[in-house]
Amino acid sequence: MKIALVLLNAEEQPKFANYMADNSLTEFSMTCWRIPNNKASSEAMLAALEAKYRASPVDILLFPSTMKGDELATRLAWRLKGSAVCQALTCDVTQKTVTKAVYGNGLLATLEVQRFPLCLSLSRHLPLQDVALSLQPEECDLETVPQPGELPSPQILSQAQHPLQTAKWVMASGLGASGDAFQPLAAALGAEQGFTRQRVMAGGCDEQRMIGISGQSVAPDVCLVVGASGASAFMAGVQQSRLIVAINNDPAAPVFAAADVGIVGDAEEVLTALVQCTGQG
């Protein structure tokens, strides 16, 4: 069993050390993959991590307890055909299980790992011991190179300044609305785009536009929820909208219970028809 710690900042190492000790992982072979350029794009970081893994495979990769750590863990596991768990509390290598808090931290889930490598981002709520632990794994720096077609670095805005806070129309997209057609459709409707956490984790969109408990809370006149199942953590971010219109091709999707208007159908087709009806097309 070999474990790689993915460090974006030096101050993250004590938390990794505590996690390793608390979960009896210190007996295994360890390596530390540092990414000195923590301002690099996710695409550049993923390319560097994938190349390093191909050259020196490991069984478990630990990522920081940040949104960036969540994204990298999820997307790298997909690339490597492994498993990912974000905000992990514990890891039992013998039983091949990972625990994490779910349903607004109200319940503890135990997940069985079926595929390796296992990519874990640590929970933000892990205790940090007062005494620093000795952790000196083999270390190497990963070079990040800009990737063709990668997204530009987002402009950092405070929540109060963000356009989602003053938008009259918002289009909140889930995994079911991830095609290239949805950005121009939102623009045609004069709607600011927002995204579910799952959509942000899938990559290709601005994480500052995430809507829900851990992101933005919006209160537009009209909120179009497209291709989203309607998880409670997400719906908490749109509940102040004057009118919620849900569009989903699954008639049993939970989002319809919380919507003022529900439309069962293909999101792209419905939005295209809406643009034509409003005379914007």
C-alpha atoms as a PDB file:
ATOM      1  CA  MET A   1       0.000   0.000   0.000  1.00  0.00           C
ATOM      2  CA  LYS A   2       1.448   3.356  -1.053  1.00  0.00           C
ATOM      3  CA  ILE A   3      -0.013   6.760  -0.226  1.00  0.00           C
ATOM      4  CA  ALA A   4       0.580  10.137  -1.890  1.00  0.00           C
ATOM      5  CA  LEU A   5      -0.130  13.434  -0.132  1.00  0.00           C
ATOM      6  CA  VAL A   6      -1.045  16.189  -2.608  1.00  0.00           C
ATOM      7  CA  LEU A   7       0.094  19.509  -1.120  1.00  0.00           C
ATOM      8  CA  LEU A   8      -0.954  22.870  -2.547  1.00  0.00           C
ATOM      9  CA  ASN A   9       0.270  24.808   0.513  1.00  0.00           C
ATOM     10  CA  ALA A  10       2.931  23.945   3.083  1.00  0.00           C
ATOM     11  CA  GLU A  11       0.563  24.679   5.991  1.00  0.00           C
ATOM     12  CA  GLU A  12      -1.636  21.733   4.960  1.00  0.00           C
ATOM     13  CA  GLN A  13       0.971  19.156   6.026  1.00  0.00           C
ATOM     14  CA  PRO A  14       0.086  19.030   9.782  1.00  0.00           C
ATOM     15  CA  LYS A  15      -3.530  18.134   8.966  1.00  0.00           C
ATOM     16  CA  PHE A  16      -2.344  15.355   6.669  1.00  0.00           C
ATOM     17  CA  ALA A  17      -0.033  14.109   9.426  1.00  0.00           C
ATOM     18  CA  ASN A  18      -2.873  13.965  11.934  1.00  0.00           C
ATOM     19  CA  TYR A  19      -5.131  12.165   9.474  1.00  0.00           C
ATOM     20  CA  MET A  20      -2.440   9.584   8.739  1.00  0.00           C
ATOM     21  CA  ALA A  21      -1.874   8.931  12.438  1.00  0.00           C
ATOM     22  CA  ASP A  22      -5.563   8.825  13.409  1.00  0.00           C
ATOM     23  CA  ASN A  23      -6.321   6.289  10.670  1.00  0.00           C
ATOM     24  CA  SER A  24      -3.253   4.038  11.160  1.00  0.00           C
ATOM     25  CA  LEU A  25      -1.820   4.984   7.783  1.00  0.00           C
ATOM     26  CA  THR A  26       1.693   5.907   8.919  1.00  0.00           C
ATOM     27  CA  GLU A  27       2.915   2.317   8.567  1.00  0.00           C
ATOM     28  CA  PHE A  28       2.521   2.462   4.797  1.00  0.00           C
ATOM     29  CA  SER A  29       4.913   3.861   2.219  1.00  0.00           C
ATOM     30  CA  MET A  30       4.342   7.591   1.738  1.00  0.00           C
ATOM     31  CA  THR A  31       5.236  10.138  -0.885  1.00  0.00           C
ATOM     32  CA  CYS A  32       4.459  13.857  -1.034  1.00  0.00           C
ATOM     33  CA  TRP A  33       3.516  15.451  -4.349  1.00  0.00           C
ATOM     34  CA  ARG A  34       3.794  19.219  -4.022  1.00  0.00           C
ATOM     35  CA  ILE A  35       2.281  21.626  -6.528  1.00  0.00           C
ATOM     36  CA  PRO A  36       4.292  24.831  -5.934  1.00  0.00           C
ATOM     37  CA  ASN A  37       2.184  26.858  -8.363  1.00  0.00           C
ATOM     38  CA  ASN A  38      -1.133  26.749  -6.494  1.00  0.00           C
ATOM     39  CA  LYS A  39      -2.471  29.438  -8.851  1.00  0.00           C
ATOM     40  CA  ALA A  40      -2.278  27.038 -11.803  1.00  0.00           C
ATOM     41  CA  SER A  41      -5.535  25.974 -13.425  1.00  0.00           C
ATOM     42  CA  SER A  42      -7.242  22.762 -12.387  1.00  0.00           C
ATOM     43  CA  GLU A  43      -6.582  21.349 -15.860  1.00  0.00           C
ATOM     44  CA  ALA A  44      -2.829  21.962 -15.487  1.00  0.00           C
ATOM     45  CA  MET A  45      -2.783  20.433 -11.991  1.00  0.00           C
ATOM     46  CA  LEU A  46      -4.730  17.377 -13.149  1.00  0.00           C
ATOM     47  CA  ALA A  47      -2.375  16.827 -16.074  1.00  0.00           C
ATOM     48  CA  ALA A  48       0.642  16.970 -13.737  1.00  0.00           C
ATOM     49  CA  LEU A  49      -0.981  14.627 -11.207  1.00  0.00           C
ATOM     50  CA  GLU A  50      -2.040  12.136 -13.857  1.00  0.00           C
ATOM     51  CA  ALA A  51       1.453  12.082 -15.392  1.00  0.00           C
ATOM     52  CA  LYS A  52       3.040  11.535 -11.982  1.00  0.00           C
ATOM     53  CA  TYR A  53       0.605   8.741 -11.169  1.00  0.00           C
ATOM     54  CA  ARG A  54       1.266   6.993 -14.489  1.00  0.00           C
ATOM     55  CA  ALA A  55       4.997   7.128 -13.775  1.00  0.00           C
ATOM     56  CA  SER A  56       4.749   6.193 -10.057  1.00  0.00           C
ATOM     57  CA  PRO A  57       1.379   4.574  -9.207  1.00  0.00           C
ATOM     58  CA  VAL A  58       0.011   4.790  -5.657  1.00  0.00           C
ATOM     59  CA  ASP A  59      -3.029   3.241  -3.974  1.00  0.00           C
ATOM     60  CA  ILE A  60      -4.388   6.295  -2.102  1.00  0.00           C
ATOM     61  CA  LEU A  61      -4.094  10.009  -2.818  1.00  0.00           C
ATOM     62  CA  LEU A  62      -4.972  12.485  -0.063  1.00  0.00           C
ATOM     63  CA  PHE A  63      -6.072  15.996  -1.045  1.00  0.00           C
ATOM     64  CA  PRO A  64      -6.576  19.156   1.068  1.00  0.00           C
ATOM     65  CA  SER A  65      -9.880  19.911   2.791  1.00  0.00           C
ATOM     66  CA  THR A  66     -10.672  22.735   0.362  1.00  0.00           C
ATOM     67  CA  MET A  67     -12.969  23.198  -2.605  1.00  0.00           C
ATOM     68  CA  LYS A  68      -9.935  22.816  -4.860  1.00  0.00           C
ATOM     69  CA  GLY A  69      -9.047  19.575  -3.068  1.00  0.00           C
ATOM     70  CA  ASP A  70     -12.602  18.292  -3.601  1.00  0.00           C
ATOM     71  CA  GLU A  71     -12.446  19.118  -7.310  1.00  0.00           C
ATOM     72  CA  LEU A  72      -9.014  17.580  -7.904  1.00  0.00           C
ATOM     73  CA  ALA A  73      -9.878  14.388  -6.008  1.00  0.00           C
ATOM     74  CA  THR A  74     -13.111  13.890  -7.953  1.00  0.00           C
ATOM     75  CA  ARG A  75     -11.752  14.673 -11.384  1.00  0.00           C
ATOM     76  CA  LEU A  76      -8.499  12.737 -10.964  1.00  0.00           C
ATOM     77  CA  ALA A  77     -10.366   9.622  -9.793  1.00  0.00           C
ATOM     78  CA  TRP A  78     -12.505   9.822 -12.921  1.00  0.00           C
ATOM     79  CA  ARG A  79      -9.403  10.079 -15.122  1.00  0.00           C
ATOM     80  CA  LEU A  80      -7.719   7.152 -13.389  1.00  0.00           C
ATOM     81  CA  LYS A  81     -10.900   5.039 -13.251  1.00  0.00           C
ATOM     82  CA  GLY A  82     -10.615   4.864  -9.466  1.00  0.00           C
ATOM     83  CA  SER A  83     -12.834   6.034  -6.586  1.00  0.00           C
ATOM     84  CA  ALA A  84     -13.262   9.431  -4.925  1.00  0.00           C
ATOM     85  CA  VAL A  85     -14.724  10.583  -1.612  1.00  0.00           C
ATOM     86  CA  CYS A  86     -14.815  14.269  -0.740  1.00  0.00           C
ATOM     87  CA  GLN A  87     -14.606  15.531   2.856  1.00  0.00           C
ATOM     88  CA  ALA A  88     -13.597  12.138   4.268  1.00  0.00           C
ATOM     89  CA  LEU A  89     -13.596  11.717   8.039  1.00  0.00           C
ATOM     90  CA  THR A  90     -11.957   8.292   8.366  1.00  0.00           C
ATOM     91  CA  CYS A  91     -10.333   5.677   6.145  1.00  0.00           C
ATOM     92  CA  ASP A  92     -10.054   1.994   7.103  1.00  0.00           C
ATOM     93  CA  VAL A  93      -7.589   0.355   4.728  1.00  0.00           C
ATOM     94  CA  THR A  94      -8.191  -3.142   6.121  1.00  0.00           C
ATOM     95  CA  GLN A  95     -11.966  -2.985   5.646  1.00  0.00           C
ATOM     96  CA  LYS A  96     -11.690  -0.800   2.515  1.00  0.00           C
ATOM     97  CA  THR A  97     -14.190   1.715   3.874  1.00  0.00           C
ATOM     98  CA  VAL A  98     -14.367   5.499   4.161  1.00  0.00           C
ATOM     99  CA  THR A  99     -16.721   7.536   6.335  1.00  0.00           C
ATOM    100  CA  LYS A 100     -18.070  11.026   5.738  1.00  0.00           C
ATOM    101  CA  ALA A 101     -20.844  13.249   7.061  1.00  0.00           C
ATOM    102  CA  VAL A 102     -23.998  13.465   4.923  1.00  0.00           C
ATOM    103  CA  TYR A 103     -27.419  15.173   5.004  1.00  0.00           C
ATOM    104  CA  GLY A 104     -26.131  18.429   6.413  1.00  0.00           C
ATOM    105  CA  ASN A 105     -23.763  16.637   8.816  1.00  0.00           C
ATOM    106  CA  GLY A 106     -26.770  14.943  10.397  1.00  0.00           C
ATOM    107  CA  LEU A 107     -25.711  11.389   9.535  1.00  0.00           C
ATOM    108  CA  LEU A 108     -22.467   9.456   9.133  1.00  0.00           C
ATOM    109  CA  ALA A 109     -22.139   7.372   5.963  1.00  0.00           C
ATOM    110  CA  THR A 110     -19.781   4.401   5.622  1.00  0.00           C
ATOM    111  CA  LEU A 111     -18.776   3.881   1.985  1.00  0.00           C
ATOM    112  CA  GLU A 112     -17.193   0.727   0.601  1.00  0.00           C
ATOM    113  CA  VAL A 113     -14.252   1.297  -1.755  1.00  0.00           C
ATOM    114  CA  GLN A 114     -14.482  -0.939  -4.802  1.00  0.00           C
ATOM    115  CA  ARG A 115     -11.899   0.598  -7.139  1.00  0.00           C
ATOM    116  CA  PHE A 116      -8.419   1.981  -6.663  1.00  0.00           C
ATOM    117  CA  PRO A 117      -6.675   4.382  -6.708  1.00  0.00           C
ATOM    118  CA  LEU A 118      -8.721   6.013  -3.974  1.00  0.00           C
ATOM    119  CA  CYS A 119      -8.725   9.812  -4.072  1.00  0.00           C
ATOM    120  CA  LEU A 120      -9.772  11.434  -0.763  1.00  0.00           C
ATOM    121  CA  SER A 121     -10.137  15.070   0.193  1.00  0.00           C
ATOM    122  CA  LEU A 122     -10.041  15.528   3.967  1.00  0.00           C
ATOM    123  CA  SER A 123     -12.995  16.811   5.967  1.00  0.00           C
ATOM    124  CA  ARG A 124     -12.896  20.466   6.997  1.00  0.00           C
ATOM    125  CA  HIS A 125     -14.043  19.388  10.468  1.00  0.00           C
ATOM    126  CA  LEU A 126     -11.136  17.138  11.411  1.00  0.00           C
ATOM    127  CA  PRO A 127      -9.499  18.010  14.760  1.00  0.00           C
ATOM    128  CA  LEU A 128      -5.910  19.233  14.641  1.00  0.00           C
ATOM    129  CA  GLN A 129      -3.689  18.049  17.491  1.00  0.00           C
ATOM    130  CA  ASP A 130      -1.700  20.614  19.447  1.00  0.00           C
ATOM    131  CA  VAL A 131       1.512  18.639  19.049  1.00  0.00           C
ATOM    132  CA  ALA A 132       2.837  18.400  15.502  1.00  0.00           C
ATOM    133  CA  LEU A 133       3.456  14.850  14.325  1.00  0.00           C
ATOM    134  CA  SER A 134       6.626  13.754  12.595  1.00  0.00           C
ATOM    135  CA  LEU A 135       5.828  13.161   8.954  1.00  0.00           C
ATOM    136  CA  GLN A 136       8.690  13.179   6.472  1.00  0.00           C
ATOM    137  CA  PRO A 137       7.610  11.316   3.354  1.00  0.00           C
ATOM    138  CA  GLU A 138       9.532  11.192   0.096  1.00  0.00           C
ATOM    139  CA  GLU A 139       8.889  14.508  -1.627  1.00  0.00           C
ATOM    140  CA  CYS A 140       8.810  15.812  -5.180  1.00  0.00           C
ATOM    141  CA  ASP A 141       7.538  18.949  -6.913  1.00  0.00           C
ATOM    142  CA  LEU A 142       5.126  18.671  -9.819  1.00  0.00           C
ATOM    143  CA  GLU A 143       5.497  21.077 -12.712  1.00  0.00           C
ATOM    144  CA  THR A 144       2.250  22.492 -14.053  1.00  0.00           C
ATOM    145  CA  VAL A 145       2.015  23.473 -17.712  1.00  0.00           C
ATOM    146  CA  PRO A 146      -0.918  25.418 -19.223  1.00  0.00           C
ATOM    147  CA  GLN A 147      -3.199  23.045 -21.138  1.00  0.00           C
ATOM    148  CA  PRO A 148      -4.717  23.682 -24.584  1.00  0.00           C
ATOM    149  CA  GLY A 149      -8.252  25.004 -24.313  1.00  0.00           C
ATOM    150  CA  GLU A 150      -8.174  25.445 -20.521  1.00  0.00           C
ATOM    151  CA  LEU A 151     -10.432  28.008 -18.899  1.00  0.00           C
ATOM    152  CA  PRO A 152      -8.911  31.371 -17.905  1.00  0.00           C
ATOM    153  CA  SER A 153      -8.444  32.051 -14.220  1.00  0.00           C
ATOM    154  CA  PRO A 154     -11.729  33.375 -12.770  1.00  0.00           C
ATOM    155  CA  GLN A 155     -12.044  36.902 -11.459  1.00  0.00           C
ATOM    156  CA  ILE A 156     -12.249  36.730  -7.668  1.00  0.00           C
ATOM    157  CA  LEU A 157     -15.340  38.536  -6.396  1.00  0.00           C
ATOM    158  CA  SER A 158     -16.890  38.814  -2.978  1.00  0.00           C
ATOM    159  CA  GLN A 159     -20.372  37.323  -2.645  1.00  0.00           C
ATOM    160  CA  ALA A 160     -21.891  40.793  -2.246  1.00  0.00           C
ATOM    161  CA  GLN A 161     -20.327  41.901  -5.559  1.00  0.00           C
ATOM    162  CA  HIS A 162     -21.273  38.787  -7.508  1.00  0.00           C
ATOM    163  CA  PRO A 163     -23.771  39.258 -10.376  1.00  0.00           C
ATOM    164  CA  LEU A 164     -25.866  36.372  -9.038  1.00  0.00           C
ATOM    165  CA  GLN A 165     -26.794  38.520  -6.042  1.00  0.00           C
ATOM    166  CA  THR A 166     -28.578  41.160  -8.140  1.00  0.00           C
ATOM    167  CA  ALA A 167     -29.795  39.086 -11.094  1.00  0.00           C
ATOM    168  CA  LYS A 168     -33.516  39.150 -11.911  1.00  0.00           C
ATOM    169  CA  TRP A 169     -33.253  35.819 -13.736  1.00  0.00           C
ATOM    170  CA  VAL A 170     -30.953  32.950 -12.730  1.00  0.00           C
ATOM    171  CA  MET A 171     -30.381  29.680 -14.548  1.00  0.00           C
ATOM    172  CA  ALA A 172     -29.185  27.082 -12.030  1.00  0.00           C
ATOM    173  CA  SER A 173     -27.768  24.101 -13.922  1.00  0.00           C
ATOM    174  CA  GLY A 174     -27.075  20.565 -12.752  1.00  0.00           C
ATOM    175  CA  LEU A 175     -25.285  17.638 -14.377  1.00  0.00           C
ATOM    176  CA  GLY A 176     -28.206  17.187 -16.736  1.00  0.00           C
ATOM    177  CA  ALA A 177     -27.499  20.596 -18.311  1.00  0.00           C
ATOM    178  CA  SER A 178     -23.771  20.518 -18.951  1.00  0.00           C
ATOM    179  CA  GLY A 179     -23.630  20.919 -22.737  1.00  0.00           C
ATOM    180  CA  ASP A 180     -22.237  23.885 -24.664  1.00  0.00           C
ATOM    181  CA  ALA A 181     -25.727  25.069 -25.622  1.00  0.00           C
ATOM    182  CA  PHE A 182     -26.741  26.250 -22.152  1.00  0.00           C
ATOM    183  CA  GLN A 183     -24.502  29.313 -21.846  1.00  0.00           C
ATOM    184  CA  PRO A 184     -25.930  31.011 -24.962  1.00  0.00           C
ATOM    185  CA  LEU A 185     -29.438  30.019 -23.908  1.00  0.00           C
ATOM    186  CA  ALA A 186     -28.904  31.687 -20.518  1.00  0.00           C
ATOM    187  CA  ALA A 187     -27.559  34.786 -22.260  1.00  0.00           C
ATOM    188  CA  ALA A 188     -30.552  34.874 -24.604  1.00  0.00           C
ATOM    189  CA  LEU A 189     -32.883  34.843 -21.597  1.00  0.00           C
ATOM    190  CA  GLY A 190     -30.873  37.494 -19.766  1.00  0.00           C
ATOM    191  CA  ALA A 191     -30.163  35.013 -16.970  1.00  0.00           C
ATOM    192  CA  GLU A 192     -27.042  34.732 -14.829  1.00  0.00           C
ATOM    193  CA  GLN A 193     -25.720  31.184 -14.705  1.00  0.00           C
ATOM    194  CA  GLY A 194     -25.320  29.278 -11.454  1.00  0.00           C
ATOM    195  CA  PHE A 195     -24.434  25.637 -10.850  1.00  0.00           C
ATOM    196  CA  THR A 196     -25.037  22.779  -8.462  1.00  0.00           C
ATOM    197  CA  ARG A 197     -22.087  21.451  -6.476  1.00  0.00           C
ATOM    198  CA  GLN A 198     -22.028  18.280  -8.602  1.00  0.00           C
ATOM    199  CA  ARG A 199     -21.866  20.365 -11.779  1.00  0.00           C
ATOM    200  CA  VAL A 200     -18.968  22.430 -10.410  1.00  0.00           C
ATOM    201  CA  MET A 201     -17.100  19.284  -9.357  1.00  0.00           C
ATOM    202  CA  ALA A 202     -17.478  17.923 -12.895  1.00  0.00           C
ATOM    203  CA  GLY A 203     -15.357  20.842 -14.079  1.00  0.00           C
ATOM    204  CA  GLY A 204     -15.629  23.420 -16.827  1.00  0.00           C
ATOM    205  CA  CYS A 205     -17.515  26.087 -14.886  1.00  0.00           C
ATOM    206  CA  ASP A 206     -16.770  28.853 -12.395  1.00  0.00           C
ATOM    207  CA  GLU A 207     -16.780  27.557  -8.810  1.00  0.00           C
ATOM    208  CA  GLN A 208     -17.796  31.034  -7.601  1.00  0.00           C
ATOM    209  CA  ARG A 209     -21.140  30.404  -9.272  1.00  0.00           C
ATOM    210  CA  MET A 210     -21.950  27.373  -7.142  1.00  0.00           C
ATOM    211  CA  ILE A 211     -25.378  27.679  -5.531  1.00  0.00           C
ATOM    212  CA  GLY A 212     -26.379  26.024  -2.266  1.00  0.00           C
ATOM    213  CA  ILE A 213     -25.405  25.765   1.385  1.00  0.00           C
ATOM    214  CA  SER A 214     -21.683  25.845   0.576  1.00  0.00           C
ATOM    215  CA  GLY A 215     -22.020  28.454  -2.178  1.00  0.00           C
ATOM    216  CA  GLN A 216     -24.221  31.356  -3.220  1.00  0.00           C
ATOM    217  CA  SER A 217     -27.770  31.995  -1.997  1.00  0.00           C
ATOM    218  CA  VAL A 218     -29.811  33.782  -4.646  1.00  0.00           C
ATOM    219  CA  ALA A 219     -33.179  35.574  -4.676  1.00  0.00           C
ATOM    220  CA  PRO A 220     -34.098  36.397  -8.292  1.00  0.00           C
ATOM    221  CA  ASP A 221     -37.550  37.039  -9.671  1.00  0.00           C
ATOM    222  CA  VAL A 222     -37.253  33.826 -11.697  1.00  0.00           C
ATOM    223  CA  CYS A 223     -34.937  30.885 -11.040  1.00  0.00           C
ATOM    224  CA  LEU A 224     -34.734  28.234 -13.770  1.00  0.00           C
ATOM    225  CA  VAL A 225     -33.484  24.983 -12.243  1.00  0.00           C
ATOM    226  CA  VAL A 226     -32.400  22.838 -15.192  1.00  0.00           C
ATOM    227  CA  GLY A 227     -31.013  19.315 -15.132  1.00  0.00           C
ATOM    228  CA  ALA A 228     -30.716  19.251 -11.331  1.00  0.00           C
ATOM    229  CA  SER A 229     -32.248  16.553  -9.141  1.00  0.00           C
ATOM    230  CA  GLY A 230     -33.105  19.027  -6.374  1.00  0.00           C
ATOM    231  CA  ALA A 231     -30.878  18.013  -3.461  1.00  0.00           C
ATOM    232  CA  SER A 232     -31.819  19.854  -0.262  1.00  0.00           C
ATOM    233  CA  ALA A 233     -28.349  21.445   0.088  1.00  0.00           C
ATOM    234  CA  PHE A 234     -28.745  22.971  -3.371  1.00  0.00           C
ATOM    235  CA  MET A 235     -32.398  24.006  -3.020  1.00  0.00           C
ATOM    236  CA  ALA A 236     -31.526  25.915   0.151  1.00  0.00           C
ATOM    237  CA  GLY A 237     -29.626  28.321  -2.103  1.00  0.00           C
ATOM    238  CA  VAL A 238     -32.617  29.105  -4.363  1.00  0.00           C
ATOM    239  CA  GLN A 239     -35.518  28.990  -1.899  1.00  0.00           C
ATOM    240  CA  GLN A 240     -35.755  32.811  -1.708  1.00  0.00           C
ATOM    241  CA  SER A 241     -36.567  33.048  -5.429  1.00  0.00           C
ATOM    242  CA  ARG A 242     -39.971  34.566  -6.211  1.00  0.00           C
ATOM    243  CA  LEU A 243     -40.659  31.890  -8.857  1.00  0.00           C
ATOM    244  CA  ILE A 244     -38.845  28.555  -9.223  1.00  0.00           C
ATOM    245  CA  VAL A 245     -39.238  26.775 -12.563  1.00  0.00           C
ATOM    246  CA  ALA A 246     -37.859  23.224 -12.628  1.00  0.00           C
ATOM    247  CA  ILE A 247     -36.979  21.521 -15.926  1.00  0.00           C
ATOM    248  CA  ASN A 248     -36.003  17.855 -15.765  1.00  0.00           C
ATOM    249  CA  ASN A 249     -36.586  14.791 -17.935  1.00  0.00           C
ATOM    250  CA  ASP A 250     -37.229  12.641 -14.847  1.00  0.00           C
ATOM    251  CA  PRO A 251     -40.845  13.098 -13.693  1.00  0.00           C
ATOM    252  CA  ALA A 252     -39.923  11.670 -10.264  1.00  0.00           C
ATOM    253  CA  ALA A 253     -37.073  14.139  -9.637  1.00  0.00           C
ATOM    254  CA  PRO A 254     -37.317  15.640  -6.100  1.00  0.00           C
ATOM    255  CA  VAL A 255     -36.844  19.147  -7.535  1.00  0.00           C
ATOM    256  CA  PHE A 256     -40.489  19.221  -8.672  1.00  0.00           C
ATOM    257  CA  ALA A 257     -41.706  19.084  -5.060  1.00  0.00           C
ATOM    258  CA  ALA A 258     -39.955  22.371  -4.306  1.00  0.00           C
ATOM    259  CA  ALA A 259     -40.760  24.167  -7.579  1.00  0.00           C
ATOM    260  CA  ASP A 260     -43.614  26.548  -8.343  1.00  0.00           C
ATOM    261  CA  VAL A 261     -43.700  25.338 -11.950  1.00  0.00           C
ATOM    262  CA  GLY A 262     -42.449  21.958 -13.175  1.00  0.00           C
ATOM    263  CA  ILE A 263     -41.715  20.994 -16.782  1.00  0.00           C
ATOM    264  CA  VAL A 264     -40.863  17.400 -17.690  1.00  0.00           C
ATOM    265  CA  GLY A 265     -38.718  17.343 -20.812  1.00  0.00           C
ATOM    266  CA  ASP A 266     -35.297  17.822 -22.353  1.00  0.00           C
ATOM    267  CA  ALA A 267     -33.773  20.940 -20.788  1.00  0.00           C
ATOM    268  CA  GLU A 268     -32.168  22.210 -23.992  1.00  0.00           C
ATOM    269  CA  GLU A 269     -35.370  21.814 -26.002  1.00  0.00           C
ATOM    270  CA  VAL A 270     -37.522  23.482 -23.337  1.00  0.00           C
ATOM    271  CA  LEU A 271     -35.155  26.439 -22.950  1.00  0.00           C
ATOM    272  CA  THR A 272     -34.898  26.879 -26.721  1.00  0.00           C
ATOM    273  CA  ALA A 273     -38.697  27.033 -26.913  1.00  0.00           C
ATOM    274  CA  LEU A 274     -38.746  29.532 -24.035  1.00  0.00           C
ATOM    275  CA  VAL A 275     -36.252  31.768 -25.829  1.00  0.00           C
ATOM    276  CA  GLN A 276     -38.444  31.686 -28.952  1.00  0.00           C
ATOM    277  CA  CYS A 277     -41.594  32.460 -26.947  1.00  0.00           C
ATOM    278  CA  THR A 278     -39.984  35.478 -25.283  1.00  0.00           C
ATOM    279  CA  GLY A 279     -38.829  36.793 -28.639  1.00  0.00           C
ATOM    280  CA  GLN A 280     -35.171  36.613 -27.703  1.00  0.00           C
ATOM    281  CA  GLY A 281     -34.144  33.962 -30.234  1.00  0.00           C
END
